[in-house]
Structure formats: structure tokens, C-alpha cells
Amino acid sequence: MKPLFLLSILMTIAGILAGHAQENHIRFGTEQKFDDLIAGTKAEGNTLQWVNVNTDDDTWRTEDNLLVCKGKPIGVMRSEKQYENFILQVEWRHMEPGGNSGVFVWSDALPDPKSRLPGGVEVQMLELDWVNLNTRDGKKPPIAYVHGELFGVGGVKTIPDNPRGERSKSIENRAKGKGEWNAYTVVCVDGTIKLSVNGKFVNGISKSTIKKGYLCLESEGAEIHFKNLRIVELPTGVTSQNQMATIIE
């Protein structure tokens, strides 16, 4: 084979691979160091890059300042890097009754083959009608289920502030329904998580067995929109290797 012909083939393959990699990344949200925030430097922060883990190429898309998830198939996209101690702010709204989604913190970003969802601590985002559409044996699930539950997934253990079994439920119901924007502030420090729903802290967990990992946004059957996602990285803590998710190369 002639060298120039071989070079042409290799360049074509490289171009295809580069294009595919770019398609699997979405730029959305900002990241800033706490020290930079206090010092007043890098005011706009760095743009976050997200990697499609196990959803379709068209599951996620950006429209102006929105991230739109069509909800199908079930799966996640993950942050490009891992986070340990941080504050996450994000606004979200469901576009269908009973919509299901969430964000995983300290996640391994390795989906279970059956559920298609990864391990980590899930911060639940359910539309209010979910309890009406999931009646079992004539009984509705607790209304607190749709107002920001926190729970470990994939073997991750936590201690709930407000137990509902192994999950922690919000002590006040504050989430809004279909088409309305909800604002979450999620403070994650040294295995403890505190969740504010629409301006008030109402839920939390502690002593998570995982304290560093990826962020994952969840696609779980219904269209959901996100906006104004911001991460403020806090100083690191004393975290052992077995308390960290494995880095994905």
C-alpha cells in the first residue's frame, strides 16, 4: 500500500473518530473554585463538559440557555471530571405529568445493566403527579417522595436525616409541578449532603460510603429541562481511595 494512500485512510478514520467524540460531549453549566469566587477572579467560571454514557445521540441537546433531555432511553450523561466537596445549583422543570429524573452525586458513572443507572447518591427530581400515576394496591406513594428524596444507589450507603426506609424525605413539601421551574441547591461536603428546594433546606443525608465521584444527569422516561447549572468547588477533605469512584479513562 502506498504511503500517501495509507496516510489518507488514517486521516479519514481520525476525522470520523474526532467527530464522534465531539458529538458525545455537551457543554452546559459553569464551574468555579471557591477561592476564586471569594477573591472575585474568574467571575464567569469555566464551562462544564458532559459525556454521554449510555443514552442516544439525540437524548440531550442545548437550546439557548437550556439543556433539554427527551427522557429516552433511560440512562445518564456524566461530568467530564470528578468532584469531592462542592455546592451545586440547578433549576429544572418537568414537561410531562409524573416525569422522573434526578442528579447523581459522587457517582461511579457505571450503569447497572438492568436499571441502566449508575451508583452514587441520587437527588430525586419527580413531577408531582408521579404519586397519582403510580398507585399500588389502591395506595398512593407518600407525597414526600416527589419533593426531593435523597438515597444511595448501587451499593452506596448513607444515613438519612429524615428516614423513609433507607431514603431521606424532605420535611416540607416545596416542589412545583409540570412546566414550573424548581431550584435546587445541593451542598456536598465530606460525605454529607444538604438539599435546599426552592429556597429552603429541607433534606439531608450523612456518612455516605462514597465521597468523591462524577455528577450524572438522568434520563428516565420523560422530557425534562435544566438551566442555570453551577458548581462551586470547595476545598478537598480527607478521603480514602475506597471512598472515591474509579476514574474513567
C-alpha atoms as a PDB file:
ATOM      1  CA  MET A   1       0.000   0.000   0.000  1.00  0.00           C
ATOM      2  CA  LYS A   2       1.368   3.431  -0.948  1.00  0.00           C
ATOM      3  CA  PRO A   3       2.323   5.668   1.998  1.00  0.00           C
ATOM      4  CA  LEU A   4       0.195   8.603   0.810  1.00  0.00           C
ATOM      5  CA  PHE A   5      -2.869   6.381   0.378  1.00  0.00           C
ATOM      6  CA  LEU A   6      -2.352   4.880   3.853  1.00  0.00           C
ATOM      7  CA  LEU A   7      -1.958   8.360   5.342  1.00  0.00           C
ATOM      8  CA  SER A   8      -5.199   9.451   3.679  1.00  0.00           C
ATOM      9  CA  ILE A   9      -7.076   6.486   5.183  1.00  0.00           C
ATOM     10  CA  LEU A  10      -5.672   7.157   8.668  1.00  0.00           C
ATOM     11  CA  MET A  11      -6.623  10.825   8.487  1.00  0.00           C
ATOM     12  CA  THR A  12     -10.159   9.904   7.421  1.00  0.00           C
ATOM     13  CA  ILE A  13     -10.535   7.479  10.333  1.00  0.00           C
ATOM     14  CA  ALA A  14      -9.170  10.063  12.761  1.00  0.00           C
ATOM     15  CA  GLY A  15     -11.655  12.619  11.480  1.00  0.00           C
ATOM     16  CA  ILE A  16     -14.560  10.223  11.962  1.00  0.00           C
ATOM     17  CA  LEU A  17     -13.460   9.369  15.493  1.00  0.00           C
ATOM     18  CA  ALA A  18     -12.955  13.016  16.395  1.00  0.00           C
ATOM     19  CA  GLY A  19     -16.399  13.909  15.073  1.00  0.00           C
ATOM     20  CA  HIS A  20     -17.994  11.080  17.058  1.00  0.00           C
ATOM     21  CA  ALA A  21     -16.230  12.151  20.259  1.00  0.00           C
ATOM     22  CA  GLN A  22     -17.409  15.721  19.803  1.00  0.00           C
ATOM     23  CA  GLU A  23     -20.994  14.549  19.294  1.00  0.00           C
ATOM     24  CA  ASN A  24     -20.820  12.731  22.643  1.00  0.00           C
ATOM     25  CA  HIS A  25     -19.882  15.880  24.575  1.00  0.00           C
ATOM     26  CA  ILE A  26     -22.279  18.625  25.641  1.00  0.00           C
ATOM     27  CA  ARG A  27     -21.162  21.968  27.053  1.00  0.00           C
ATOM     28  CA  PHE A  28     -23.570  23.172  29.733  1.00  0.00           C
ATOM     29  CA  GLY A  29     -23.260  24.955  33.055  1.00  0.00           C
ATOM     30  CA  THR A  30     -20.284  26.548  34.798  1.00  0.00           C
ATOM     31  CA  GLU A  31     -17.675  25.562  37.367  1.00  0.00           C
ATOM     32  CA  GLN A  32     -15.762  27.811  39.721  1.00  0.00           C
ATOM     33  CA  LYS A  33     -13.312  27.344  42.594  1.00  0.00           C
ATOM     34  CA  PHE A  34     -14.447  28.673  45.960  1.00  0.00           C
ATOM     35  CA  ASP A  35     -11.175  30.581  46.401  1.00  0.00           C
ATOM     36  CA  ASP A  36     -11.643  32.269  43.020  1.00  0.00           C
ATOM     37  CA  LEU A  37     -15.224  33.171  43.927  1.00  0.00           C
ATOM     38  CA  ILE A  38     -14.150  34.774  47.211  1.00  0.00           C
ATOM     39  CA  ALA A  39     -11.257  36.586  45.524  1.00  0.00           C
ATOM     40  CA  GLY A  40     -13.548  37.875  42.785  1.00  0.00           C
ATOM     41  CA  THR A  41     -11.492  36.342  39.982  1.00  0.00           C
ATOM     42  CA  LYS A  42     -12.783  34.277  37.031  1.00  0.00           C
ATOM     43  CA  ALA A  43     -16.265  35.643  37.690  1.00  0.00           C
ATOM     44  CA  GLU A  44     -17.871  33.734  34.822  1.00  0.00           C
ATOM     45  CA  GLY A  45     -16.264  30.395  35.668  1.00  0.00           C
ATOM     46  CA  ASN A  46     -15.357  27.576  33.288  1.00  0.00           C
ATOM     47  CA  THR A  47     -17.885  25.848  31.064  1.00  0.00           C
ATOM     48  CA  LEU A  48     -18.679  22.267  32.073  1.00  0.00           C
ATOM     49  CA  GLN A  49     -18.349  19.412  29.612  1.00  0.00           C
ATOM     50  CA  TRP A  50     -20.610  16.360  29.862  1.00  0.00           C
ATOM     51  CA  VAL A  51     -20.026  12.902  28.400  1.00  0.00           C
ATOM     52  CA  ASN A  52     -22.887  10.759  27.083  1.00  0.00           C
ATOM     53  CA  VAL A  53     -22.653   7.457  28.969  1.00  0.00           C
ATOM     54  CA  ASN A  54     -25.487   5.218  27.711  1.00  0.00           C
ATOM     55  CA  THR A  55     -28.159   7.330  26.007  1.00  0.00           C
ATOM     56  CA  ASP A  56     -28.790   8.156  22.346  1.00  0.00           C
ATOM     57  CA  ASP A  57     -27.044  10.960  20.482  1.00  0.00           C
ATOM     58  CA  ASP A  58     -30.286  12.983  20.471  1.00  0.00           C
ATOM     59  CA  THR A  59     -31.308  12.346  24.097  1.00  0.00           C
ATOM     60  CA  TRP A  60     -29.624  15.584  25.203  1.00  0.00           C
ATOM     61  CA  ARG A  61     -29.458  18.913  23.387  1.00  0.00           C
ATOM     62  CA  THR A  62     -28.915  22.557  24.252  1.00  0.00           C
ATOM     63  CA  GLU A  63     -31.312  25.323  23.236  1.00  0.00           C
ATOM     64  CA  ASP A  64     -30.035  28.805  24.108  1.00  0.00           C
ATOM     65  CA  ASN A  65     -29.531  28.624  27.889  1.00  0.00           C
ATOM     66  CA  LEU A  66     -31.466  25.359  28.326  1.00  0.00           C
ATOM     67  CA  LEU A  67     -30.366  21.748  28.464  1.00  0.00           C
ATOM     68  CA  VAL A  68     -33.219  19.617  27.117  1.00  0.00           C
ATOM     69  CA  CYS A  69     -33.447  15.902  27.890  1.00  0.00           C
ATOM     70  CA  LYS A  70     -36.095  13.959  25.955  1.00  0.00           C
ATOM     71  CA  GLY A  71     -36.085  11.223  28.596  1.00  0.00           C
ATOM     72  CA  LYS A  72     -35.450   8.257  26.322  1.00  0.00           C
ATOM     73  CA  PRO A  73     -33.742   5.887  26.578  1.00  0.00           C
ATOM     74  CA  ILE A  74     -33.167   5.554  30.306  1.00  0.00           C
ATOM     75  CA  GLY A  75     -29.566   6.413  31.128  1.00  0.00           C
ATOM     76  CA  VAL A  76     -27.232   9.231  32.101  1.00  0.00           C
ATOM     77  CA  MET A  77     -24.598  11.640  30.959  1.00  0.00           C
ATOM     78  CA  ARG A  78     -21.706  12.382  33.318  1.00  0.00           C
ATOM     79  CA  SER A  79     -19.418  15.274  34.114  1.00  0.00           C
ATOM     80  CA  GLU A  80     -16.020  15.109  32.465  1.00  0.00           C
ATOM     81  CA  LYS A  81     -14.261  15.205  35.865  1.00  0.00           C
ATOM     82  CA  GLN A  82     -14.947  14.037  39.400  1.00  0.00           C
ATOM     83  CA  TYR A  83     -15.958  16.238  42.324  1.00  0.00           C
ATOM     84  CA  GLU A  84     -15.493  15.825  46.074  1.00  0.00           C
ATOM     85  CA  ASN A  85     -16.699  18.822  48.103  1.00  0.00           C
ATOM     86  CA  PHE A  86     -18.882  21.298  46.243  1.00  0.00           C
ATOM     87  CA  ILE A  87     -22.080  23.306  46.001  1.00  0.00           C
ATOM     88  CA  LEU A  88     -24.354  22.504  43.050  1.00  0.00           C
ATOM     89  CA  GLN A  89     -27.088  24.884  41.973  1.00  0.00           C
ATOM     90  CA  VAL A  90     -29.513  23.906  39.220  1.00  0.00           C
ATOM     91  CA  GLU A  91     -33.015  24.756  38.046  1.00  0.00           C
ATOM     92  CA  TRP A  92     -35.236  22.103  36.461  1.00  0.00           C
ATOM     93  CA  ARG A  93     -38.765  21.606  35.190  1.00  0.00           C
ATOM     94  CA  HIS A  94     -40.658  18.534  34.040  1.00  0.00           C
ATOM     95  CA  MET A  95     -42.690  18.803  30.840  1.00  0.00           C
ATOM     96  CA  GLU A  96     -44.890  15.702  31.359  1.00  0.00           C
ATOM     97  CA  PRO A  97     -47.142  14.592  34.242  1.00  0.00           C
ATOM     98  CA  GLY A  98     -45.347  12.151  36.507  1.00  0.00           C
ATOM     99  CA  GLY A  99     -41.952  12.822  34.942  1.00  0.00           C
ATOM    100  CA  ASN A 100     -38.941  11.141  36.551  1.00  0.00           C
ATOM    101  CA  SER A 101     -35.321  12.327  36.671  1.00  0.00           C
ATOM    102  CA  GLY A 102     -32.580  13.336  39.066  1.00  0.00           C
ATOM    103  CA  VAL A 103     -28.929  14.098  39.516  1.00  0.00           C
ATOM    104  CA  PHE A 104     -26.401  11.618  40.902  1.00  0.00           C
ATOM    105  CA  VAL A 105     -23.553  12.989  43.006  1.00  0.00           C
ATOM    106  CA  TRP A 106     -20.374  11.099  43.922  1.00  0.00           C
ATOM    107  CA  SER A 107     -21.302   8.664  41.158  1.00  0.00           C
ATOM    108  CA  ASP A 108     -19.243   5.871  39.591  1.00  0.00           C
ATOM    109  CA  ALA A 109     -20.946   6.661  36.225  1.00  0.00           C
ATOM    110  CA  LEU A 110     -21.072   2.907  35.543  1.00  0.00           C
ATOM    111  CA  PRO A 111     -24.675   1.963  34.701  1.00  0.00           C
ATOM    112  CA  ASP A 112     -26.212  -1.230  36.018  1.00  0.00           C
ATOM    113  CA  PRO A 113     -27.168  -3.435  33.014  1.00  0.00           C
ATOM    114  CA  LYS A 114     -30.762  -3.836  34.272  1.00  0.00           C
ATOM    115  CA  SER A 115     -31.644  -0.383  35.591  1.00  0.00           C
ATOM    116  CA  ARG A 116     -29.272   1.458  33.174  1.00  0.00           C
ATOM    117  CA  LEU A 117     -28.473   3.812  36.074  1.00  0.00           C
ATOM    118  CA  PRO A 118     -25.153   4.223  37.928  1.00  0.00           C
ATOM    119  CA  GLY A 119     -24.153   4.060  41.568  1.00  0.00           C
ATOM    120  CA  GLY A 120     -23.882   7.166  43.739  1.00  0.00           C
ATOM    121  CA  VAL A 121     -26.273   9.286  45.786  1.00  0.00           C
ATOM    122  CA  GLU A 122     -29.383  10.317  43.878  1.00  0.00           C
ATOM    123  CA  VAL A 123     -31.047  13.688  44.362  1.00  0.00           C
ATOM    124  CA  GLN A 124     -34.563  12.916  43.175  1.00  0.00           C
ATOM    125  CA  MET A 125     -36.448  15.116  40.696  1.00  0.00           C
ATOM    126  CA  LEU A 126     -40.021  13.846  40.304  1.00  0.00           C
ATOM    127  CA  GLU A 127     -43.064  15.651  38.904  1.00  0.00           C
ATOM    128  CA  LEU A 128     -45.896  15.935  41.452  1.00  0.00           C
ATOM    129  CA  ASP A 129     -48.324  13.677  39.558  1.00  0.00           C
ATOM    130  CA  TRP A 130     -45.903  10.748  39.916  1.00  0.00           C
ATOM    131  CA  VAL A 131     -47.669   9.652  43.116  1.00  0.00           C
ATOM    132  CA  ASN A 132     -51.067   9.697  41.352  1.00  0.00           C
ATOM    133  CA  LEU A 133     -49.809   7.698  38.376  1.00  0.00           C
ATOM    134  CA  ASN A 134     -48.015   5.059  40.464  1.00  0.00           C
ATOM    135  CA  THR A 135     -50.762   3.862  42.795  1.00  0.00           C
ATOM    136  CA  ARG A 136     -50.179   0.304  44.008  1.00  0.00           C
ATOM    137  CA  ASP A 137     -52.890  -1.839  45.615  1.00  0.00           C
ATOM    138  CA  GLY A 138     -55.054   1.252  45.843  1.00  0.00           C
ATOM    139  CA  LYS A 139     -52.448   3.212  47.791  1.00  0.00           C
ATOM    140  CA  LYS A 140     -50.506   6.243  46.608  1.00  0.00           C
ATOM    141  CA  PRO A 141     -46.798   6.569  47.391  1.00  0.00           C
ATOM    142  CA  PRO A 142     -46.027   9.190  50.069  1.00  0.00           C
ATOM    143  CA  ILE A 143     -46.275  12.734  48.733  1.00  0.00           C
ATOM    144  CA  ALA A 144     -42.829  13.493  50.183  1.00  0.00           C
ATOM    145  CA  TYR A 145     -41.404  11.106  47.560  1.00  0.00           C
ATOM    146  CA  VAL A 146     -41.735  13.809  44.891  1.00  0.00           C
ATOM    147  CA  HIS A 147     -40.238  16.688  46.875  1.00  0.00           C
ATOM    148  CA  GLY A 148     -36.532  15.859  46.709  1.00  0.00           C
ATOM    149  CA  GLU A 149     -35.716  12.494  48.259  1.00  0.00           C
ATOM    150  CA  LEU A 150     -32.062  11.522  48.773  1.00  0.00           C
ATOM    151  CA  PHE A 151     -30.785   7.950  48.688  1.00  0.00           C
ATOM    152  CA  GLY A 152     -27.807   5.768  47.895  1.00  0.00           C
ATOM    153  CA  VAL A 153     -27.795   3.682  44.714  1.00  0.00           C
ATOM    154  CA  GLY A 154     -25.627   0.779  43.561  1.00  0.00           C
ATOM    155  CA  GLY A 155     -24.411  -0.276  46.988  1.00  0.00           C
ATOM    156  CA  VAL A 156     -23.742   3.241  48.298  1.00  0.00           C
ATOM    157  CA  LYS A 157     -24.899   3.563  51.911  1.00  0.00           C
ATOM    158  CA  THR A 158     -25.964   6.750  53.693  1.00  0.00           C
ATOM    159  CA  ILE A 159     -27.610   7.767  56.952  1.00  0.00           C
ATOM    160  CA  PRO A 160     -30.867   9.663  56.222  1.00  0.00           C
ATOM    161  CA  ASP A 161     -31.747  12.824  58.143  1.00  0.00           C
ATOM    162  CA  ASN A 162     -35.473  12.107  57.739  1.00  0.00           C
ATOM    163  CA  PRO A 163     -35.795   8.333  57.220  1.00  0.00           C
ATOM    164  CA  ARG A 164     -38.263   6.679  54.887  1.00  0.00           C
ATOM    165  CA  GLY A 165     -36.626   3.283  54.987  1.00  0.00           C
ATOM    166  CA  GLU A 166     -33.079   3.815  53.691  1.00  0.00           C
ATOM    167  CA  ARG A 167     -34.136   7.010  51.915  1.00  0.00           C
ATOM    168  CA  SER A 168     -34.353  10.525  53.319  1.00  0.00           C
ATOM    169  CA  LYS A 169     -37.518  12.519  52.634  1.00  0.00           C
ATOM    170  CA  SER A 170     -37.938  16.288  52.711  1.00  0.00           C
ATOM    171  CA  ILE A 171     -39.517  17.593  55.911  1.00  0.00           C
ATOM    172  CA  GLU A 172     -41.500  20.167  53.946  1.00  0.00           C
ATOM    173  CA  ASN A 173     -43.147  19.737  50.532  1.00  0.00           C
ATOM    174  CA  ARG A 174     -41.845  22.516  48.291  1.00  0.00           C
ATOM    175  CA  ALA A 175     -41.533  21.219  44.709  1.00  0.00           C
ATOM    176  CA  LYS A 176     -43.626  22.690  41.875  1.00  0.00           C
ATOM    177  CA  GLY A 177     -45.448  20.760  39.145  1.00  0.00           C
ATOM    178  CA  LYS A 178     -45.299  20.320  35.380  1.00  0.00           C
ATOM    179  CA  GLY A 179     -43.946  23.293  33.426  1.00  0.00           C
ATOM    180  CA  GLU A 180     -42.822  25.208  36.523  1.00  0.00           C
ATOM    181  CA  TRP A 181     -39.191  25.809  37.414  1.00  0.00           C
ATOM    182  CA  ASN A 182     -37.726  24.305  40.578  1.00  0.00           C
ATOM    183  CA  ALA A 183     -34.443  25.449  42.122  1.00  0.00           C
ATOM    184  CA  TYR A 184     -32.145  23.013  43.929  1.00  0.00           C
ATOM    185  CA  THR A 185     -29.079  23.906  45.961  1.00  0.00           C
ATOM    186  CA  VAL A 186     -27.109  20.758  46.833  1.00  0.00           C
ATOM    187  CA  VAL A 187     -24.258  21.134  49.326  1.00  0.00           C
ATOM    188  CA  CYS A 188     -21.914  18.113  49.361  1.00  0.00           C
ATOM    189  CA  VAL A 189     -19.143  18.075  51.984  1.00  0.00           C
ATOM    190  CA  ASP A 190     -17.243  15.123  53.465  1.00  0.00           C
ATOM    191  CA  GLY A 191     -19.967  12.522  52.911  1.00  0.00           C
ATOM    192  CA  THR A 192     -22.799  14.833  53.981  1.00  0.00           C
ATOM    193  CA  ILE A 193     -25.418  16.279  51.616  1.00  0.00           C
ATOM    194  CA  LYS A 194     -27.898  19.047  52.369  1.00  0.00           C
ATOM    195  CA  LEU A 195     -30.657  19.865  49.865  1.00  0.00           C
ATOM    196  CA  SER A 196     -32.493  23.163  49.504  1.00  0.00           C
ATOM    197  CA  VAL A 197     -35.726  23.021  47.470  1.00  0.00           C
ATOM    198  CA  ASN A 198     -36.940  26.381  46.148  1.00  0.00           C
ATOM    199  CA  GLY A 199     -35.130  28.443  48.741  1.00  0.00           C
ATOM    200  CA  LYS A 200     -35.243  26.336  51.910  1.00  0.00           C
ATOM    201  CA  PHE A 201     -33.085  23.483  53.220  1.00  0.00           C
ATOM    202  CA  VAL A 202     -35.448  20.573  53.829  1.00  0.00           C
ATOM    203  CA  ASN A 203     -33.470  17.337  53.431  1.00  0.00           C
ATOM    204  CA  GLY A 204     -30.106  15.714  54.007  1.00  0.00           C
ATOM    205  CA  ILE A 205     -28.005  12.583  54.427  1.00  0.00           C
ATOM    206  CA  SER A 206     -24.676  11.893  56.115  1.00  0.00           C
ATOM    207  CA  LYS A 207     -21.840   9.365  56.276  1.00  0.00           C
ATOM    208  CA  SER A 208     -22.036   8.403  52.603  1.00  0.00           C
ATOM    209  CA  THR A 209     -19.724   5.492  51.857  1.00  0.00           C
ATOM    210  CA  ILE A 210     -18.646   7.348  48.677  1.00  0.00           C
ATOM    211  CA  LYS A 211     -17.377  10.938  48.960  1.00  0.00           C
ATOM    212  CA  LYS A 212     -15.880  11.676  45.543  1.00  0.00           C
ATOM    213  CA  GLY A 213     -17.123  10.867  42.049  1.00  0.00           C
ATOM    214  CA  TYR A 214     -18.848  12.098  38.918  1.00  0.00           C
ATOM    215  CA  LEU A 215     -22.022  14.128  38.555  1.00  0.00           C
ATOM    216  CA  CYS A 216     -24.634  12.399  36.399  1.00  0.00           C
ATOM    217  CA  LEU A 217     -27.807  13.895  34.945  1.00  0.00           C
ATOM    218  CA  GLU A 218     -30.558  11.333  34.494  1.00  0.00           C
ATOM    219  CA  SER A 219     -32.820  10.497  31.563  1.00  0.00           C
ATOM    220  CA  GLU A 220     -35.689   8.377  32.869  1.00  0.00           C
ATOM    221  CA  GLY A 221     -38.681   8.311  30.536  1.00  0.00           C
ATOM    222  CA  ALA A 222     -39.966  11.895  30.307  1.00  0.00           C
ATOM    223  CA  GLU A 223     -38.813  15.227  28.925  1.00  0.00           C
ATOM    224  CA  ILE A 224     -37.114  17.486  31.445  1.00  0.00           C
ATOM    225  CA  HIS A 225     -35.357  20.841  31.077  1.00  0.00           C
ATOM    226  CA  PHE A 226     -32.382  22.172  33.061  1.00  0.00           C
ATOM    227  CA  LYS A 227     -30.928  25.678  33.307  1.00  0.00           C
ATOM    228  CA  ASN A 228     -28.519  27.790  35.381  1.00  0.00           C
ATOM    229  CA  LEU A 229     -26.394  24.845  36.479  1.00  0.00           C
ATOM    230  CA  ARG A 230     -23.424  25.987  38.509  1.00  0.00           C
ATOM    231  CA  ILE A 231     -20.808  24.158  40.573  1.00  0.00           C
ATOM    232  CA  VAL A 232     -18.631  25.844  43.203  1.00  0.00           C
ATOM    233  CA  GLU A 233     -15.741  23.562  44.157  1.00  0.00           C
ATOM    234  CA  LEU A 234     -14.868  23.638  47.855  1.00  0.00           C
ATOM    235  CA  PRO A 235     -11.559  22.626  49.461  1.00  0.00           C
ATOM    236  CA  THR A 236     -10.826  18.901  49.474  1.00  0.00           C
ATOM    237  CA  GLY A 237     -11.030  16.743  52.583  1.00  0.00           C
ATOM    238  CA  VAL A 238      -9.527  13.555  53.986  1.00  0.00           C
ATOM    239  CA  THR A 239     -10.938  10.966  51.603  1.00  0.00           C
ATOM    240  CA  SER A 240      -9.510   7.455  51.260  1.00  0.00           C
ATOM    241  CA  GLN A 241      -9.172   5.563  47.987  1.00  0.00           C
ATOM    242  CA  ASN A 242     -12.115   3.273  48.775  1.00  0.00           C
ATOM    243  CA  GLN A 243     -14.330   6.350  49.263  1.00  0.00           C
ATOM    244  CA  MET A 244     -13.664   7.538  45.692  1.00  0.00           C
ATOM    245  CA  ALA A 245     -15.185   6.373  42.438  1.00  0.00           C
ATOM    246  CA  THR A 246     -12.739   4.862  39.939  1.00  0.00           C
ATOM    247  CA  ILE A 247     -11.582   7.361  37.318  1.00  0.00           C
ATOM    248  CA  ILE A 248     -12.903   6.526  33.836  1.00  0.00           C
ATOM    249  CA  GLU A 249     -10.202   6.912  31.221  1.00  0.00           C
END
